[in-house]
Amino acid sequence: DLLSLKLCRSALRPLVGLLFSASLYTAHRFGRVGASAYTAHRFGSMPRDADQQAFDALVRCQRENFPDILSQLGRGRKSGCWAWYIFPTTMPGACDMEGTRVTEANAKDLCTGATAGEWRECLEKVCDLLEARGAVPPDDGVLPRIDHGRVHYFIKFWQPYAHSPGWLQDVCARLSKFNFPPR
């Protein structure tokens, strides 16, 4: 049930962080990630190459997951783990094993890149479903409550972002009406 899932996710967060750190260390040891990325992860600042890797992973994950995301939304609600792929921010999701995120510098590329059309379709479908449901603040009928903070920070990043296209500004305005809480 939903409560068990929330408790399970809460209990797994420290383990996910440990696994991410271990996988980054392993990648460093086998030459797939430079020492600077591993060191930066350990000490809190990620270099540009890590930013690009996170962005490339986001685009790849969007490409791989959009068909399933659109299928779920076609059934009226989110049921998988993919919020960070359609609501990207500068912070990776707690359970995002790929560590996907954007930066101020590369976010504009997401708006014009290969996945922009399907990304827009996903976001607009979420808005349509939320508006049809009409719950303010939103309940968990369309998006589980665990995702509400991500949507809050998505709006906070993208609404004032100078390179957000008109359609994304419209999405942020539509989502803002629901007063998503920060957590």
C-alpha atoms as a PDB file:
ATOM      1  CA  ASP A   1       0.000   0.000   0.000  1.00  0.00           C
ATOM      2  CA  LEU A   2       0.996   3.671  -0.284  1.00  0.00           C
ATOM      3  CA  LEU A   3       2.119   4.040   3.339  1.00  0.00           C
ATOM      4  CA  SER A   4       4.400   1.019   3.050  1.00  0.00           C
ATOM      5  CA  LEU A   5       5.861   2.425  -0.161  1.00  0.00           C
ATOM      6  CA  LYS A   6       6.563   5.787   1.518  1.00  0.00           C
ATOM      7  CA  LEU A   7       8.173   4.107   4.516  1.00  0.00           C
ATOM      8  CA  CYS A   8      10.200   1.873   2.237  1.00  0.00           C
ATOM      9  CA  ARG A   9      11.429   4.870   0.216  1.00  0.00           C
ATOM     10  CA  SER A  10      12.335   6.752   3.401  1.00  0.00           C
ATOM     11  CA  ALA A  11      14.303   3.803   4.697  1.00  0.00           C
ATOM     12  CA  LEU A  12      16.061   3.342   1.349  1.00  0.00           C
ATOM     13  CA  ARG A  13      17.245   6.935   0.898  1.00  0.00           C
ATOM     14  CA  PRO A  14      20.453   6.514   2.937  1.00  0.00           C
ATOM     15  CA  LEU A  15      21.134   3.254   1.103  1.00  0.00           C
ATOM     16  CA  VAL A  16      20.578   4.898  -2.294  1.00  0.00           C
ATOM     17  CA  GLY A  17      23.104   7.601  -1.374  1.00  0.00           C
ATOM     18  CA  LEU A  18      25.588   4.962  -0.312  1.00  0.00           C
ATOM     19  CA  LEU A  19      25.021   2.968  -3.498  1.00  0.00           C
ATOM     20  CA  PHE A  20      25.400   6.103  -5.627  1.00  0.00           C
ATOM     21  CA  SER A  21      28.654   6.910  -3.856  1.00  0.00           C
ATOM     22  CA  ALA A  22      29.856   3.303  -4.247  1.00  0.00           C
ATOM     23  CA  SER A  23      28.894   3.191  -7.933  1.00  0.00           C
ATOM     24  CA  LEU A  24      30.679   6.508  -8.545  1.00  0.00           C
ATOM     25  CA  TYR A  25      33.741   5.133  -6.739  1.00  0.00           C
ATOM     26  CA  THR A  26      33.613   1.937  -8.831  1.00  0.00           C
ATOM     27  CA  ALA A  27      33.232   3.965 -12.024  1.00  0.00           C
ATOM     28  CA  HIS A  28      36.230   6.057 -10.934  1.00  0.00           C
ATOM     29  CA  ARG A  29      38.321   2.939 -10.214  1.00  0.00           C
ATOM     30  CA  PHE A  30      37.574   1.514 -13.669  1.00  0.00           C
ATOM     31  CA  GLY A  31      38.182   4.772 -15.500  1.00  0.00           C
ATOM     32  CA  ARG A  32      34.608   5.623 -16.444  1.00  0.00           C
ATOM     33  CA  VAL A  33      34.519   8.685 -14.149  1.00  0.00           C
ATOM     34  CA  GLY A  34      37.516  10.879 -13.492  1.00  0.00           C
ATOM     35  CA  ALA A  35      39.000  11.374 -10.062  1.00  0.00           C
ATOM     36  CA  SER A  36      37.663  14.920 -10.003  1.00  0.00           C
ATOM     37  CA  ALA A  37      34.029  13.734 -10.307  1.00  0.00           C
ATOM     38  CA  TYR A  38      34.475  11.204  -7.521  1.00  0.00           C
ATOM     39  CA  THR A  39      36.261  13.714  -5.294  1.00  0.00           C
ATOM     40  CA  ALA A  40      33.668  16.378  -6.046  1.00  0.00           C
ATOM     41  CA  HIS A  41      30.848  14.006  -5.135  1.00  0.00           C
ATOM     42  CA  ARG A  42      32.560  13.176  -1.850  1.00  0.00           C
ATOM     43  CA  PHE A  43      33.181  16.809  -0.980  1.00  0.00           C
ATOM     44  CA  GLY A  44      30.063  18.484  -2.340  1.00  0.00           C
ATOM     45  CA  SER A  45      30.875  20.257  -5.604  1.00  0.00           C
ATOM     46  CA  MET A  46      30.421  18.684  -8.992  1.00  0.00           C
ATOM     47  CA  PRO A  47      32.644  19.744 -11.920  1.00  0.00           C
ATOM     48  CA  ARG A  48      31.362  20.648 -15.383  1.00  0.00           C
ATOM     49  CA  ASP A  49      31.953  17.163 -16.798  1.00  0.00           C
ATOM     50  CA  ALA A  50      29.718  15.749 -14.063  1.00  0.00           C
ATOM     51  CA  ASP A  51      27.085  18.378 -14.940  1.00  0.00           C
ATOM     52  CA  GLN A  52      27.217  17.252 -18.553  1.00  0.00           C
ATOM     53  CA  GLN A  53      27.017  13.575 -17.578  1.00  0.00           C
ATOM     54  CA  ALA A  54      23.949  14.304 -15.422  1.00  0.00           C
ATOM     55  CA  PHE A  55      22.341  16.251 -18.272  1.00  0.00           C
ATOM     56  CA  ASP A  56      23.116  13.538 -20.840  1.00  0.00           C
ATOM     57  CA  ALA A  57      21.653  10.936 -18.466  1.00  0.00           C
ATOM     58  CA  LEU A  58      18.507  13.067 -18.136  1.00  0.00           C
ATOM     59  CA  VAL A  59      18.025  13.254 -21.895  1.00  0.00           C
ATOM     60  CA  ARG A  60      18.674   9.514 -22.257  1.00  0.00           C
ATOM     61  CA  CYS A  61      16.235   8.677 -19.442  1.00  0.00           C
ATOM     62  CA  GLN A  62      13.613  10.985 -20.922  1.00  0.00           C
ATOM     63  CA  ARG A  63      13.968   9.303 -24.306  1.00  0.00           C
ATOM     64  CA  GLU A  64      13.712   5.829 -22.734  1.00  0.00           C
ATOM     65  CA  ASN A  65      10.841   6.604 -20.329  1.00  0.00           C
ATOM     66  CA  PHE A  66       8.533   9.024 -22.161  1.00  0.00           C
ATOM     67  CA  PRO A  67       6.446   6.309 -23.879  1.00  0.00           C
ATOM     68  CA  ASP A  68       5.684   4.670 -20.514  1.00  0.00           C
ATOM     69  CA  ILE A  69       5.124   8.041 -18.822  1.00  0.00           C
ATOM     70  CA  LEU A  70       2.614   9.073 -21.481  1.00  0.00           C
ATOM     71  CA  SER A  71       0.913   5.697 -21.190  1.00  0.00           C
ATOM     72  CA  GLN A  72       0.547   6.080 -17.413  1.00  0.00           C
ATOM     73  CA  LEU A  73      -0.749   9.623 -17.761  1.00  0.00           C
ATOM     74  CA  GLY A  74      -3.197   8.362 -20.393  1.00  0.00           C
ATOM     75  CA  ARG A  75      -4.642   6.174 -17.629  1.00  0.00           C
ATOM     76  CA  GLY A  76      -5.107   9.280 -15.462  1.00  0.00           C
ATOM     77  CA  ARG A  77      -2.305   9.148 -12.906  1.00  0.00           C
ATOM     78  CA  LYS A  78       1.407   8.592 -12.279  1.00  0.00           C
ATOM     79  CA  SER A  79       2.235   5.088 -11.107  1.00  0.00           C
ATOM     80  CA  GLY A  80       5.989   4.715 -11.722  1.00  0.00           C
ATOM     81  CA  CYS A  81       9.190   6.389 -10.531  1.00  0.00           C
ATOM     82  CA  TRP A  82       9.943   9.078 -13.073  1.00  0.00           C
ATOM     83  CA  ALA A  83       9.067  12.527 -11.663  1.00  0.00           C
ATOM     84  CA  TRP A  84      12.661  13.752 -11.939  1.00  0.00           C
ATOM     85  CA  TYR A  85      12.606  13.151 -15.717  1.00  0.00           C
ATOM     86  CA  ILE A  86       9.697  15.508 -16.412  1.00  0.00           C
ATOM     87  CA  PHE A  87      10.261  17.866 -13.462  1.00  0.00           C
ATOM     88  CA  PRO A  88      14.046  18.314 -13.663  1.00  0.00           C
ATOM     89  CA  THR A  89      15.750  20.714 -11.276  1.00  0.00           C
ATOM     90  CA  THR A  90      19.336  21.394 -10.244  1.00  0.00           C
ATOM     91  CA  MET A  91      19.062  18.604  -7.683  1.00  0.00           C
ATOM     92  CA  PRO A  92      18.887  14.893  -8.529  1.00  0.00           C
ATOM     93  CA  GLY A  93      15.960  12.968  -7.120  1.00  0.00           C
ATOM     94  CA  ALA A  94      16.549  11.018  -3.919  1.00  0.00           C
ATOM     95  CA  CYS A  95      15.793   7.719  -5.679  1.00  0.00           C
ATOM     96  CA  ASP A  96      17.119   8.660  -9.118  1.00  0.00           C
ATOM     97  CA  MET A  97      19.874   6.119  -9.662  1.00  0.00           C
ATOM     98  CA  GLU A  98      21.081   8.066 -12.730  1.00  0.00           C
ATOM     99  CA  GLY A  99      21.587  11.317 -10.793  1.00  0.00           C
ATOM    100  CA  THR A 100      19.845  13.353 -13.494  1.00  0.00           C
ATOM    101  CA  ARG A 101      19.663  17.127 -13.154  1.00  0.00           C
ATOM    102  CA  VAL A 102      20.074  20.386 -15.029  1.00  0.00           C
ATOM    103  CA  THR A 103      22.185  23.461 -14.387  1.00  0.00           C
ATOM    104  CA  GLU A 104      21.576  27.140 -15.150  1.00  0.00           C
ATOM    105  CA  ALA A 105      23.965  26.705 -18.079  1.00  0.00           C
ATOM    106  CA  ASN A 106      22.503  23.583 -19.713  1.00  0.00           C
ATOM    107  CA  ALA A 107      18.789  23.849 -18.889  1.00  0.00           C
ATOM    108  CA  LYS A 108      18.163  25.894 -22.039  1.00  0.00           C
ATOM    109  CA  ASP A 109      19.397  22.943 -24.105  1.00  0.00           C
ATOM    110  CA  LEU A 110      16.639  20.775 -22.663  1.00  0.00           C
ATOM    111  CA  CYS A 111      14.031  23.255 -23.926  1.00  0.00           C
ATOM    112  CA  THR A 112      15.225  22.973 -27.519  1.00  0.00           C
ATOM    113  CA  GLY A 113      16.715  19.475 -27.584  1.00  0.00           C
ATOM    114  CA  ALA A 114      15.557  16.191 -29.047  1.00  0.00           C
ATOM    115  CA  THR A 115      13.195  15.396 -26.159  1.00  0.00           C
ATOM    116  CA  ALA A 116      11.573  18.842 -25.845  1.00  0.00           C
ATOM    117  CA  GLY A 117       8.400  17.883 -27.749  1.00  0.00           C
ATOM    118  CA  GLU A 118       7.611  14.802 -25.661  1.00  0.00           C
ATOM    119  CA  TRP A 119       8.673  16.603 -22.469  1.00  0.00           C
ATOM    120  CA  ARG A 120       6.163  19.342 -23.249  1.00  0.00           C
ATOM    121  CA  GLU A 121       3.478  16.723 -23.980  1.00  0.00           C
ATOM    122  CA  CYS A 122       4.091  15.030 -20.609  1.00  0.00           C
ATOM    123  CA  LEU A 123       4.010  18.301 -18.669  1.00  0.00           C
ATOM    124  CA  GLU A 124       0.858  19.533 -20.405  1.00  0.00           C
ATOM    125  CA  LYS A 125      -0.854  16.186 -19.780  1.00  0.00           C
ATOM    126  CA  VAL A 126      -0.030  16.443 -16.055  1.00  0.00           C
ATOM    127  CA  CYS A 127      -1.505  19.951 -16.041  1.00  0.00           C
ATOM    128  CA  ASP A 128      -4.651  18.738 -17.849  1.00  0.00           C
ATOM    129  CA  LEU A 129      -5.124  15.925 -15.309  1.00  0.00           C
ATOM    130  CA  LEU A 130      -4.557  18.216 -12.315  1.00  0.00           C
ATOM    131  CA  GLU A 131      -6.984  20.812 -13.678  1.00  0.00           C
ATOM    132  CA  ALA A 132      -9.623  18.156 -14.345  1.00  0.00           C
ATOM    133  CA  ARG A 133      -9.246  16.882 -10.781  1.00  0.00           C
ATOM    134  CA  GLY A 134      -9.383  20.404  -9.333  1.00  0.00           C
ATOM    135  CA  ALA A 135      -7.902  19.685  -5.881  1.00  0.00           C
ATOM    136  CA  VAL A 136      -6.006  22.675  -4.408  1.00  0.00           C
ATOM    137  CA  PRO A 137      -3.604  21.985  -2.865  1.00  0.00           C
ATOM    138  CA  PRO A 138      -3.335  18.816  -4.919  1.00  0.00           C
ATOM    139  CA  ASP A 139      -4.143  15.446  -3.419  1.00  0.00           C
ATOM    140  CA  ASP A 140      -2.398  12.294  -4.625  1.00  0.00           C
ATOM    141  CA  GLY A 141      -4.953  11.511  -7.343  1.00  0.00           C
ATOM    142  CA  VAL A 142      -2.627  12.470 -10.213  1.00  0.00           C
ATOM    143  CA  LEU A 143       0.825  12.738  -8.628  1.00  0.00           C
ATOM    144  CA  PRO A 144       1.740  10.995  -5.365  1.00  0.00           C
ATOM    145  CA  ARG A 145       2.437  13.383  -2.487  1.00  0.00           C
ATOM    146  CA  ILE A 146       6.079  12.309  -2.472  1.00  0.00           C
ATOM    147  CA  ASP A 147       6.447  14.166  -5.813  1.00  0.00           C
ATOM    148  CA  HIS A 148       4.813  17.424  -4.716  1.00  0.00           C
ATOM    149  CA  GLY A 149       8.062  18.929  -3.417  1.00  0.00           C
ATOM    150  CA  ARG A 150       9.795  18.167  -6.718  1.00  0.00           C
ATOM    151  CA  VAL A 151       7.028  20.000  -8.599  1.00  0.00           C
ATOM    152  CA  HIS A 152       7.373  22.954  -6.191  1.00  0.00           C
ATOM    153  CA  TYR A 153      11.116  23.245  -6.895  1.00  0.00           C
ATOM    154  CA  PHE A 154      10.578  22.622 -10.621  1.00  0.00           C
ATOM    155  CA  ILE A 155       8.345  25.698 -10.734  1.00  0.00           C
ATOM    156  CA  LYS A 156      10.799  27.659  -8.591  1.00  0.00           C
ATOM    157  CA  PHE A 157      13.628  26.905 -11.028  1.00  0.00           C
ATOM    158  CA  TRP A 158      11.884  27.117 -14.421  1.00  0.00           C
ATOM    159  CA  GLN A 159       9.386  29.973 -13.934  1.00  0.00           C
ATOM    160  CA  PRO A 160      12.004  32.731 -13.479  1.00  0.00           C
ATOM    161  CA  TYR A 161      14.551  31.030 -15.775  1.00  0.00           C
ATOM    162  CA  ALA A 162      15.415  33.460 -18.569  1.00  0.00           C
ATOM    163  CA  HIS A 163      15.583  30.736 -21.250  1.00  0.00           C
ATOM    164  CA  SER A 164      12.225  29.055 -20.519  1.00  0.00           C
ATOM    165  CA  PRO A 165      10.157  29.079 -23.717  1.00  0.00           C
ATOM    166  CA  GLY A 166       6.579  30.331 -23.684  1.00  0.00           C
ATOM    167  CA  TRP A 167       5.081  26.854 -23.448  1.00  0.00           C
ATOM    168  CA  LEU A 168       7.154  26.102 -20.347  1.00  0.00           C
ATOM    169  CA  GLN A 169       6.157  29.414 -18.775  1.00  0.00           C
ATOM    170  CA  ASP A 170       2.518  28.412 -19.409  1.00  0.00           C
ATOM    171  CA  VAL A 171       3.108  25.012 -17.761  1.00  0.00           C
ATOM    172  CA  CYS A 172       4.679  26.683 -14.714  1.00  0.00           C
ATOM    173  CA  ALA A 173       1.768  29.114 -14.458  1.00  0.00           C
ATOM    174  CA  ARG A 174      -0.726  26.238 -14.641  1.00  0.00           C
ATOM    175  CA  LEU A 175       1.161  24.225 -12.012  1.00  0.00           C
ATOM    176  CA  SER A 176       1.567  27.270  -9.738  1.00  0.00           C
ATOM    177  CA  LYS A 177      -2.206  27.475  -9.285  1.00  0.00           C
ATOM    178  CA  PHE A 178      -2.047  24.251  -7.266  1.00  0.00           C
ATOM    179  CA  ASN A 179       0.259  25.591  -4.526  1.00  0.00           C
ATOM    180  CA  PHE A 180       2.483  22.529  -4.394  1.00  0.00           C
ATOM    181  CA  PRO A 181       4.167  22.448  -0.970  1.00  0.00           C
ATOM    182  CA  PRO A 182       7.982  22.351  -0.744  1.00  0.00           C
ATOM    183  CA  ARG A 183       7.792  18.950   1.015  1.00  0.00           C
END
